[in-house]
Amino acid sequence: MPEPEKRPNEAASAASSPPRQVDRGKVHSGWTYLSNHTHVLVCLTQDPSARLRDVADRVGITERAVQSIVGDLERAGAITRFREGRRNRYEIHGDARLRHPVEDNCTLRELLKALRASHLPPAP
């Protein structure tokens, strides 16, 4: 059976984005159910002192993209960055609400708990 014909932008996208090697030996290509913002947030929740280079390797994006996402998360009030010597530590604000109207009834704590990524203290 012949392969289905790809639309021009799908063919270009497939050709320009080879599968990326990410953590745990799994190969990822294409889209995922969660955004890179969520992936970065999960990584920082699991290791608040992680280097952004390590987060980038784990997520499968550039360090510069992670820096931009961390800036977005800071401006949104989802995280706070603390300087500890030569490193940064990130505090996740679990009570921050998700931003999109479809899911703004949930907090980051609830999202991270659902993903089994949360090491946040329980809500007061």
N, C-alpha and C. Protein backbone atom coordinates (compact mmCIF):
# COMPACT_ATOMS: atom_id res chain seq x y z
N MET A 1 0.85 -1.18 0.00
CA MET A 1 0.00 0.00 0.00
C MET A 1 0.89 1.24 0.00
N PRO A 2 0.65 2.20 -0.90
CA PRO A 2 1.50 3.39 -0.97
C PRO A 2 1.33 4.26 0.27
N GLU A 3 2.42 4.97 0.58
CA GLU A 3 2.40 5.87 1.73
C GLU A 3 1.52 7.08 1.40
N PRO A 4 0.74 7.59 2.39
CA PRO A 4 -0.10 8.76 2.11
C PRO A 4 0.76 9.96 1.71
N GLU A 5 0.23 10.74 0.81
CA GLU A 5 0.96 11.91 0.33
C GLU A 5 1.01 12.97 1.43
N LYS A 6 2.20 13.56 1.61
CA LYS A 6 2.36 14.59 2.63
C LYS A 6 2.12 15.96 2.01
N ARG A 7 1.53 16.83 2.83
CA ARG A 7 1.38 18.22 2.40
C ARG A 7 2.77 18.85 2.38
N PRO A 8 2.96 19.91 1.59
CA PRO A 8 4.30 20.50 1.45
C PRO A 8 4.94 20.88 2.78
N ASN A 9 4.20 21.50 3.71
CA ASN A 9 4.82 21.92 4.97
C ASN A 9 5.15 20.72 5.86
N GLU A 10 4.41 19.62 5.75
CA GLU A 10 4.72 18.42 6.52
C GLU A 10 6.02 17.80 6.03
N ALA A 11 6.19 17.75 4.72
CA ALA A 11 7.40 17.18 4.16
C ALA A 11 8.62 18.00 4.57
N ALA A 12 8.51 19.32 4.49
CA ALA A 12 9.62 20.19 4.87
C ALA A 12 9.91 20.04 6.35
N SER A 13 8.88 19.97 7.16
CA SER A 13 9.05 19.84 8.60
C SER A 13 9.73 18.53 8.93
N ALA A 14 9.29 17.46 8.32
CA ALA A 14 9.87 16.15 8.59
C ALA A 14 11.33 16.11 8.16
N ALA A 15 11.65 16.75 7.04
CA ALA A 15 13.01 16.74 6.54
C ALA A 15 13.92 17.61 7.40
N SER A 16 13.40 18.71 7.95
CA SER A 16 14.24 19.63 8.69
C SER A 16 14.32 19.31 10.17
N SER A 17 13.50 18.42 10.70
CA SER A 17 13.58 18.11 12.11
C SER A 17 13.76 16.62 12.34
N PRO A 18 15.03 16.19 12.37
CA PRO A 18 15.29 14.78 12.62
C PRO A 18 14.93 14.43 14.06
N PRO A 19 14.73 13.16 14.36
CA PRO A 19 14.44 12.77 15.73
C PRO A 19 15.54 13.25 16.67
N ARG A 20 15.13 13.69 17.86
CA ARG A 20 16.09 14.17 18.85
C ARG A 20 16.29 13.10 19.91
N GLN A 21 17.52 12.93 20.33
CA GLN A 21 17.82 12.01 21.43
C GLN A 21 17.57 12.78 22.72
N VAL A 22 16.74 12.27 23.57
CA VAL A 22 16.49 12.89 24.85
C VAL A 22 16.77 11.89 25.95
N ASP A 23 16.56 12.33 27.17
CA ASP A 23 16.87 11.54 28.36
C ASP A 23 16.34 10.11 28.30
N ARG A 24 17.01 9.23 29.01
CA ARG A 24 16.61 7.83 29.16
C ARG A 24 16.66 7.05 27.85
N GLY A 25 17.45 7.53 26.88
CA GLY A 25 17.63 6.78 25.66
C GLY A 25 16.45 6.75 24.72
N LYS A 26 15.40 7.49 25.02
CA LYS A 26 14.23 7.50 24.15
C LYS A 26 14.42 8.53 23.04
N VAL A 27 13.95 8.21 21.87
CA VAL A 27 14.02 9.15 20.75
C VAL A 27 12.67 9.81 20.62
N HIS A 28 12.68 11.12 20.48
CA HIS A 28 11.44 11.88 20.33
C HIS A 28 11.48 12.62 19.01
N SER A 29 10.40 12.55 18.28
CA SER A 29 10.28 13.38 17.09
C SER A 29 8.84 13.82 16.98
N GLY A 30 8.64 15.02 16.49
CA GLY A 30 7.29 15.52 16.33
C GLY A 30 6.77 16.19 17.59
N TRP A 31 5.48 16.20 17.72
CA TRP A 31 4.82 16.93 18.80
C TRP A 31 4.65 16.04 20.03
N THR A 32 4.36 16.70 21.17
CA THR A 32 4.05 15.99 22.40
C THR A 32 2.78 16.58 22.98
N TYR A 33 2.22 15.91 23.95
CA TYR A 33 0.99 16.41 24.57
C TYR A 33 1.23 17.63 25.44
N LEU A 34 2.43 17.78 25.95
CA LEU A 34 2.74 18.90 26.84
C LEU A 34 3.74 19.84 26.15
N SER A 35 3.68 21.10 26.54
CA SER A 35 4.56 22.10 25.94
C SER A 35 5.96 22.03 26.53
N ASN A 36 6.90 22.67 25.87
CA ASN A 36 8.26 22.76 26.41
C ASN A 36 8.27 23.52 27.74
N HIS A 37 7.35 24.46 27.91
CA HIS A 37 7.24 25.16 29.19
C HIS A 37 6.94 24.15 30.30
N THR A 38 6.03 23.23 30.04
CA THR A 38 5.70 22.21 31.04
C THR A 38 6.89 21.29 31.27
N HIS A 39 7.57 20.91 30.21
CA HIS A 39 8.74 20.03 30.37
C HIS A 39 9.80 20.70 31.24
N VAL A 40 10.08 21.98 31.00
CA VAL A 40 11.07 22.71 31.80
C VAL A 40 10.60 22.79 33.24
N LEU A 41 9.34 23.09 33.45
CA LEU A 41 8.78 23.19 34.80
C LEU A 41 8.93 21.85 35.54
N VAL A 42 8.64 20.76 34.87
CA VAL A 42 8.79 19.43 35.49
C VAL A 42 10.25 19.20 35.88
N CYS A 43 11.18 19.52 34.99
CA CYS A 43 12.60 19.33 35.29
C CYS A 43 13.03 20.16 36.50
N LEU A 44 12.60 21.41 36.56
CA LEU A 44 12.98 22.27 37.67
C LEU A 44 12.31 21.86 38.96
N THR A 45 11.14 21.25 38.87
CA THR A 45 10.47 20.73 40.06
C THR A 45 11.24 19.54 40.61
N GLN A 46 11.69 18.69 39.72
CA GLN A 46 12.42 17.48 40.13
C GLN A 46 13.82 17.80 40.62
N ASP A 47 14.42 18.85 40.09
CA ASP A 47 15.77 19.25 40.50
C ASP A 47 15.87 20.77 40.47
N PRO A 48 15.50 21.42 41.59
CA PRO A 48 15.48 22.89 41.62
C PRO A 48 16.82 23.57 41.40
N SER A 49 17.91 22.82 41.52
CA SER A 49 19.25 23.39 41.31
C SER A 49 19.85 22.96 39.97
N ALA A 50 19.02 22.42 39.09
CA ALA A 50 19.52 21.93 37.80
C ALA A 50 20.14 23.05 36.99
N ARG A 51 21.20 22.73 36.28
CA ARG A 51 21.77 23.69 35.32
C ARG A 51 20.86 23.71 34.11
N LEU A 52 20.68 24.89 33.53
CA LEU A 52 19.79 25.01 32.38
C LEU A 52 20.30 24.19 31.20
N ARG A 53 21.60 24.01 31.11
CA ARG A 53 22.17 23.17 30.06
C ARG A 53 21.67 21.73 30.21
N ASP A 54 21.59 21.26 31.46
CA ASP A 54 21.10 19.90 31.71
C ASP A 54 19.61 19.78 31.43
N VAL A 55 18.86 20.83 31.78
CA VAL A 55 17.43 20.86 31.47
C VAL A 55 17.24 20.81 29.96
N ALA A 56 18.02 21.59 29.24
CA ALA A 56 17.93 21.62 27.77
C ALA A 56 18.19 20.23 27.19
N ASP A 57 19.22 19.57 27.69
CA ASP A 57 19.52 18.22 27.20
C ASP A 57 18.36 17.26 27.48
N ARG A 58 17.80 17.37 28.65
CA ARG A 58 16.72 16.46 29.04
C ARG A 58 15.46 16.70 28.22
N VAL A 59 15.13 17.98 27.98
CA VAL A 59 13.92 18.32 27.24
C VAL A 59 14.12 18.12 25.74
N GLY A 60 15.36 18.30 25.28
CA GLY A 60 15.63 18.15 23.86
C GLY A 60 15.51 19.45 23.09
N ILE A 61 15.80 20.57 23.79
CA ILE A 61 15.78 21.88 23.16
C ILE A 61 17.09 22.58 23.49
N THR A 62 17.29 23.77 22.94
CA THR A 62 18.54 24.48 23.18
C THR A 62 18.54 25.13 24.55
N GLU A 63 19.74 25.40 25.04
CA GLU A 63 19.88 26.10 26.32
C GLU A 63 19.25 27.49 26.24
N ARG A 64 19.41 28.13 25.09
CA ARG A 64 18.81 29.46 24.91
C ARG A 64 17.29 29.40 25.01
N ALA A 65 16.68 28.35 24.45
CA ALA A 65 15.23 28.18 24.55
C ALA A 65 14.81 27.98 26.00
N VAL A 66 15.59 27.22 26.76
CA VAL A 66 15.29 27.02 28.18
C VAL A 66 15.39 28.35 28.92
N GLN A 67 16.41 29.14 28.62
CA GLN A 67 16.55 30.45 29.27
C GLN A 67 15.33 31.32 29.01
N SER A 68 14.84 31.30 27.78
CA SER A 68 13.65 32.08 27.42
C SER A 68 12.43 31.57 28.18
N ILE A 69 12.28 30.26 28.27
CA ILE A 69 11.14 29.67 28.97
C ILE A 69 11.20 30.00 30.46
N VAL A 70 12.39 29.93 31.06
CA VAL A 70 12.54 30.28 32.47
C VAL A 70 12.14 31.74 32.68
N GLY A 71 12.53 32.61 31.77
CA GLY A 71 12.11 34.01 31.85
C GLY A 71 10.60 34.15 31.78
N ASP A 72 9.96 33.41 30.87
CA ASP A 72 8.50 33.43 30.78
C ASP A 72 7.87 32.97 32.09
N LEU A 73 8.39 31.89 32.64
CA LEU A 73 7.84 31.34 33.88
C LEU A 73 8.02 32.30 35.05
N GLU A 74 9.16 33.00 35.08
CA GLU A 74 9.39 34.01 36.12
C GLU A 74 8.40 35.17 35.98
N ARG A 75 8.27 35.68 34.77
CA ARG A 75 7.36 36.81 34.54
C ARG A 75 5.92 36.44 34.85
N ALA A 76 5.55 35.19 34.65
CA ALA A 76 4.19 34.73 34.93
C ALA A 76 3.97 34.46 36.42
N GLY A 77 5.03 34.53 37.22
CA GLY A 77 4.90 34.27 38.65
C GLY A 77 4.85 32.79 39.00
N ALA A 78 5.27 31.94 38.06
CA ALA A 78 5.24 30.50 38.30
C ALA A 78 6.49 30.03 39.05
N ILE A 79 7.60 30.73 38.87
CA ILE A 79 8.85 30.37 39.55
C ILE A 79 9.56 31.63 40.00
N THR A 80 10.47 31.43 40.96
CA THR A 80 11.40 32.48 41.37
C THR A 80 12.80 31.89 41.30
N ARG A 81 13.72 32.68 40.80
CA ARG A 81 15.12 32.25 40.67
C ARG A 81 15.91 32.86 41.83
N PHE A 82 16.68 32.02 42.51
CA PHE A 82 17.55 32.46 43.60
C PHE A 82 18.98 32.12 43.24
N ARG A 83 19.86 33.07 43.48
CA ARG A 83 21.28 32.84 43.23
C ARG A 83 21.88 32.19 44.46
N GLU A 84 22.57 31.06 44.27
CA GLU A 84 23.27 30.38 45.36
C GLU A 84 24.70 30.14 44.91
N GLY A 85 25.59 31.04 45.32
CA GLY A 85 26.98 30.96 44.86
C GLY A 85 27.04 31.21 43.37
N ARG A 86 27.59 30.25 42.63
CA ARG A 86 27.69 30.39 41.18
C ARG A 86 26.51 29.76 40.46
N ARG A 87 25.58 29.18 41.19
CA ARG A 87 24.45 28.45 40.59
C ARG A 87 23.15 29.16 40.91
N ASN A 88 22.11 28.76 40.22
CA ASN A 88 20.75 29.23 40.50
C ASN A 88 19.95 28.08 41.10
N ARG A 89 18.98 28.44 41.91
CA ARG A 89 17.99 27.50 42.42
C ARG A 89 16.64 28.07 42.07
N TYR A 90 15.71 27.21 41.73
CA TYR A 90 14.40 27.66 41.27
C TYR A 90 13.34 27.17 42.24
N GLU A 91 12.49 28.10 42.65
CA GLU A 91 11.37 27.76 43.52
C GLU A 91 10.10 27.80 42.68
N ILE A 92 9.35 26.72 42.71
CA ILE A 92 8.10 26.63 41.95
C ILE A 92 6.97 27.12 42.84
N HIS A 93 6.13 27.98 42.31
CA HIS A 93 4.97 28.49 43.05
C HIS A 93 3.76 27.65 42.69
N GLY A 94 3.52 26.63 43.50
CA GLY A 94 2.48 25.65 43.22
C GLY A 94 1.07 26.21 43.15
N ASP A 95 0.84 27.37 43.78
CA ASP A 95 -0.50 27.94 43.76
C ASP A 95 -0.78 28.77 42.52
N ALA A 96 0.24 28.96 41.67
CA ALA A 96 0.02 29.70 40.43
C ALA A 96 -0.96 28.93 39.55
N ARG A 97 -1.85 29.64 38.92
CA ARG A 97 -2.87 29.03 38.07
C ARG A 97 -2.32 28.83 36.66
N LEU A 98 -2.81 27.81 36.00
CA LEU A 98 -2.45 27.61 34.59
C LEU A 98 -3.02 28.78 33.80
N ARG A 99 -2.41 29.11 32.69
CA ARG A 99 -2.68 30.37 32.01
C ARG A 99 -3.81 30.34 30.99
N HIS A 100 -4.06 29.23 30.39
CA HIS A 100 -5.06 29.17 29.32
C HIS A 100 -6.46 29.03 29.92
N PRO A 101 -7.47 29.71 29.34
CA PRO A 101 -8.83 29.63 29.89
C PRO A 101 -9.38 28.20 29.99
N VAL A 102 -8.91 27.30 29.15
CA VAL A 102 -9.40 25.93 29.20
C VAL A 102 -8.99 25.24 30.50
N GLU A 103 -7.81 25.59 31.03
CA GLU A 103 -7.34 24.91 32.23
C GLU A 103 -7.01 25.85 33.39
N ASP A 104 -7.51 27.09 33.36
CA ASP A 104 -7.15 28.03 34.42
C ASP A 104 -7.82 27.72 35.76
N ASN A 105 -8.59 26.65 35.81
CA ASN A 105 -9.16 26.20 37.08
C ASN A 105 -8.17 25.31 37.84
N CYS A 106 -7.01 25.02 37.25
CA CYS A 106 -6.00 24.17 37.88
C CYS A 106 -4.78 24.99 38.29
N THR A 107 -4.10 24.50 39.33
CA THR A 107 -2.85 25.12 39.76
C THR A 107 -1.67 24.31 39.24
N LEU A 108 -0.49 24.91 39.33
CA LEU A 108 0.72 24.18 38.95
C LEU A 108 0.88 22.94 39.83
N ARG A 109 0.56 23.07 41.11
CA ARG A 109 0.68 21.93 42.02
C ARG A 109 -0.17 20.76 41.53
N GLU A 110 -1.39 21.04 41.09
CA GLU A 110 -2.28 19.98 40.60
C GLU A 110 -1.74 19.36 39.32
N LEU A 111 -1.22 20.20 38.43
CA LEU A 111 -0.64 19.69 37.19
C LEU A 111 0.56 18.80 37.49
N LEU A 112 1.46 19.28 38.32
CA LEU A 112 2.67 18.52 38.62
C LEU A 112 2.34 17.24 39.37
N LYS A 113 1.33 17.29 40.22
CA LYS A 113 0.90 16.07 40.93
C LYS A 113 0.36 15.06 39.92
N ALA A 114 -0.44 15.53 38.98
CA ALA A 114 -0.98 14.64 37.96
C ALA A 114 0.12 14.00 37.12
N LEU A 115 1.21 14.73 36.93
CA LEU A 115 2.34 14.21 36.16
C LEU A 115 3.29 13.41 37.04
N ARG A 116 2.96 13.31 38.31
CA ARG A 116 3.82 12.62 39.29
C ARG A 116 5.22 13.22 39.33
N ALA A 117 5.28 14.52 39.15
CA ALA A 117 6.57 15.22 39.12
C ALA A 117 6.74 16.11 40.35
N SER A 118 5.72 16.20 41.18
CA SER A 118 5.72 17.21 42.22
C SER A 118 6.52 16.81 43.45
N HIS A 119 7.40 17.69 43.84
CA HIS A 119 8.09 17.59 45.12
C HIS A 119 7.75 18.84 45.91
N LEU A 120 6.64 19.48 45.55
CA LEU A 120 6.25 20.71 46.22
C LEU A 120 5.57 20.39 47.53
N PRO A 121 5.73 21.26 48.52
CA PRO A 121 5.00 21.04 49.76
C PRO A 121 3.50 21.18 49.51
N PRO A 122 2.67 20.52 50.33
CA PRO A 122 1.22 20.64 50.15
C PRO A 122 0.76 22.08 50.31
N ALA A 123 -0.36 22.39 49.69
CA ALA A 123 -0.92 23.74 49.81
C ALA A 123 -1.31 23.98 51.26
N PRO A 124 -1.16 25.23 51.73
CA PRO A 124 -1.51 25.55 53.12
C PRO A 124 -3.01 25.42 53.38
